[in-house]
C-alpha atoms as a PDB file:
ATOM      1  CA  MET A   1     -14.480  -9.372  16.174  1.00  0.00           C
ATOM      2  CA  ASN A   2     -12.666 -11.789  13.905  1.00  0.00           C
ATOM      3  CA  LEU A   3      -9.070 -10.763  13.033  1.00  0.00           C
ATOM      4  CA  LYS A   4      -9.561 -11.662   9.357  1.00  0.00           C
ATOM      5  CA  ILE A   5     -12.537  -9.298   9.115  1.00  0.00           C
ATOM      6  CA  ILE A   6     -10.542  -6.516  10.748  1.00  0.00           C
ATOM      7  CA  CYS A   7      -7.618  -7.044   8.357  1.00  0.00           C
ATOM      8  CA  PHE A   8      -9.948  -7.079   5.338  1.00  0.00           C
ATOM      9  CA  ALA A   9     -11.672  -3.889   6.458  1.00  0.00           C
ATOM     10  CA  ALA A  10      -8.316  -2.205   7.004  1.00  0.00           C
ATOM     11  CA  ALA A  11      -7.091  -3.242   3.548  1.00  0.00           C
ATOM     12  CA  VAL A  12     -10.237  -1.945   1.872  1.00  0.00           C
ATOM     13  CA  SER A  13     -10.053   1.357   3.705  1.00  0.00           C
ATOM     14  CA  LEU A  14      -6.412   1.862   2.726  1.00  0.00           C
ATOM     15  CA  ALA A  15      -6.968   2.002  -1.041  1.00  0.00           C
ATOM     16  CA  LEU A  16      -5.507   5.406  -1.809  1.00  0.00           C
ATOM     17  CA  GLU A  17      -4.873   7.620  -4.804  1.00  0.00           C
ATOM     18  CA  ILE A  18      -2.125  10.131  -5.478  1.00  0.00           C
ATOM     19  CA  THR A  19      -1.416  12.346  -8.497  1.00  0.00           C
ATOM     20  CA  GLY A  20       2.065  13.596  -9.199  1.00  0.00           C
ATOM     21  CA  THR A  21       4.871  13.999 -11.708  1.00  0.00           C
ATOM     22  CA  VAL A  22       7.003  11.013 -12.714  1.00  0.00           C
ATOM     23  CA  VAL A  23      10.628  11.507 -11.615  1.00  0.00           C
ATOM     24  CA  ALA A  24      11.840   7.971 -12.299  1.00  0.00           C
ATOM     25  CA  ALA A  25      10.401   4.802 -13.814  1.00  0.00           C
ATOM     26  CA  THR A  26      11.737   1.328 -14.476  1.00  0.00           C
ATOM     27  CA  GLY A  27       9.930  -1.872 -15.413  1.00  0.00           C
ATOM     28  CA  THR A  28       9.034  -2.607 -11.796  1.00  0.00           C
ATOM     29  CA  THR A  29       9.304   0.694  -9.906  1.00  0.00           C
ATOM     30  CA  LEU A  30       7.829   4.165 -10.186  1.00  0.00           C
ATOM     31  CA  ALA A  31       8.815   7.330  -8.337  1.00  0.00           C
ATOM     32  CA  ILE A  32       6.579  10.378  -8.395  1.00  0.00           C
ATOM     33  CA  GLN A  33       6.901  13.848  -6.917  1.00  0.00           C
ATOM     34  CA  LYS A  34       3.935  15.636  -5.361  1.00  0.00           C
ATOM     35  CA  GLY A  35       4.898  19.018  -4.014  1.00  0.00           C
ATOM     36  CA  THR A  36       8.044  18.508  -1.947  1.00  0.00           C
ATOM     37  CA  GLU A  37       7.363  14.826  -1.242  1.00  0.00           C
ATOM     38  CA  LYS A  38       8.613  11.893  -3.289  1.00  0.00           C
ATOM     39  CA  TYR A  39       6.704   8.588  -3.384  1.00  0.00           C
ATOM     40  CA  GLU A  40       8.058   5.272  -4.639  1.00  0.00           C
ATOM     41  CA  PHE A  41       5.919   2.331  -5.742  1.00  0.00           C
ATOM     42  CA  ALA A  42       6.573  -1.250  -6.799  1.00  0.00           C
ATOM     43  CA  ILE A  43       4.514  -1.789  -9.937  1.00  0.00           C
ATOM     44  CA  ASP A  44       3.279  -4.659 -12.068  1.00  0.00           C
ATOM     45  CA  PRO A  45       3.523  -3.574 -15.725  1.00  0.00           C
ATOM     46  CA  ALA A  46       0.323  -5.522 -16.456  1.00  0.00           C
ATOM     47  CA  THR A  47      -1.669  -3.124 -14.243  1.00  0.00           C
ATOM     48  CA  ILE A  48      -0.655   0.088 -16.033  1.00  0.00           C
ATOM     49  CA  LYS A  49      -3.543   1.674 -17.955  1.00  0.00           C
ATOM     50  CA  GLY A  50      -3.129   4.122 -20.805  1.00  0.00           C
ATOM     51  CA  SER A  51       0.344   4.758 -22.144  1.00  0.00           C
ATOM     52  CA  ALA A  52       2.607   1.713 -22.019  1.00  0.00           C
ATOM     53  CA  GLU A  53       5.574   3.975 -21.246  1.00  0.00           C
ATOM     54  CA  LEU A  54       5.856   6.043 -18.095  1.00  0.00           C
ATOM     55  CA  LYS A  55       7.965   9.029 -19.102  1.00  0.00           C
ATOM     56  CA  VAL A  56       9.800  11.312 -16.682  1.00  0.00           C
ATOM     57  CA  GLY A  57       7.921  14.591 -16.432  1.00  0.00           C
ATOM     58  CA  SER A  58       4.480  13.178 -17.223  1.00  0.00           C
ATOM     59  CA  THR A  59       1.628  13.521 -14.736  1.00  0.00           C
ATOM     60  CA  VAL A  60       0.121  10.279 -13.462  1.00  0.00           C
ATOM     61  CA  THR A  61      -2.492   9.193 -10.963  1.00  0.00           C
ATOM     62  CA  VAL A  62      -1.539   6.140  -8.922  1.00  0.00           C
ATOM     63  CA  THR A  63      -4.185   4.095  -7.132  1.00  0.00           C
ATOM     64  CA  TYR A  64      -2.529   1.890  -4.553  1.00  0.00           C
ATOM     65  CA  VAL A  65      -3.301  -0.341  -1.599  1.00  0.00           C
ATOM     66  CA  MET A  66      -1.189  -0.545   1.496  1.00  0.00           C
ATOM     67  CA  SER A  67      -0.986  -4.162   2.591  1.00  0.00           C
ATOM     68  CA  ALA A  68       0.988  -6.290   4.996  1.00  0.00           C
ATOM     69  CA  LEU A  69       2.508  -9.532   3.803  1.00  0.00           C
ATOM     70  CA  LYS A  70       3.111 -11.008   7.242  1.00  0.00           C
ATOM     71  CA  LEU A  71       2.275 -10.052  10.809  1.00  0.00           C
ATOM     72  CA  GLU A  72       3.855 -11.537  13.903  1.00  0.00           C
ATOM     73  CA  SER A  73       3.343 -10.797  17.555  1.00  0.00           C
ATOM     74  CA  ALA A  74       6.124 -11.313  20.068  1.00  0.00           C
ATOM     75  CA  SER A  75       3.730 -11.371  23.023  1.00  0.00           C
ATOM     76  CA  PRO A  76      -0.034 -11.753  23.445  1.00  0.00           C
ATOM     77  CA  SER A  77      -2.004  -8.525  23.293  1.00  0.00           C
ATOM     78  CA  LYS A  78      -3.966  -7.240  26.279  1.00  0.00           C
ATOM     79  CA  GLU A  79      -7.240  -8.338  24.626  1.00  0.00           C
ATOM     80  CA  GLU A  80      -5.980 -11.910  24.200  1.00  0.00           C
ATOM     81  CA  THR A  81      -4.771 -11.970  27.805  1.00  0.00           C
ATOM     82  CA  LYS A  82      -8.167 -10.785  29.097  1.00  0.00           C
ATOM     83  CA  ALA A  83     -10.043 -13.257  26.893  1.00  0.00           C
ATOM     84  CA  SER A  84      -8.095 -16.229  28.228  1.00  0.00           C
ATOM     85  CA  PRO A  85      -9.739 -17.966  31.182  1.00  0.00           C
ATOM     86  CA  SER A  86      -7.716 -17.804  34.375  1.00  0.00           C
ATOM     87  CA  PRO A  87      -6.849 -21.104  36.105  1.00  0.00           C
END
């Protein structure tokens, strides 16, 4: 299977949503508390819907995508080694 297809499928499947209480907010970061766990997000102010101000104590729902910016491999994987023809 093509690596690009696998990466795309993984990115699509990792779109997640979390609802919690705002504990801190700046122009580019947001921290929310859900139960005993704290989550921090980098945000683009242009993507915020509803109230332009995120106030501490308000309840928000964050839809986010986990994505990798760069992947590197130090050695070939077992699949690549098996796929290579032997001399």
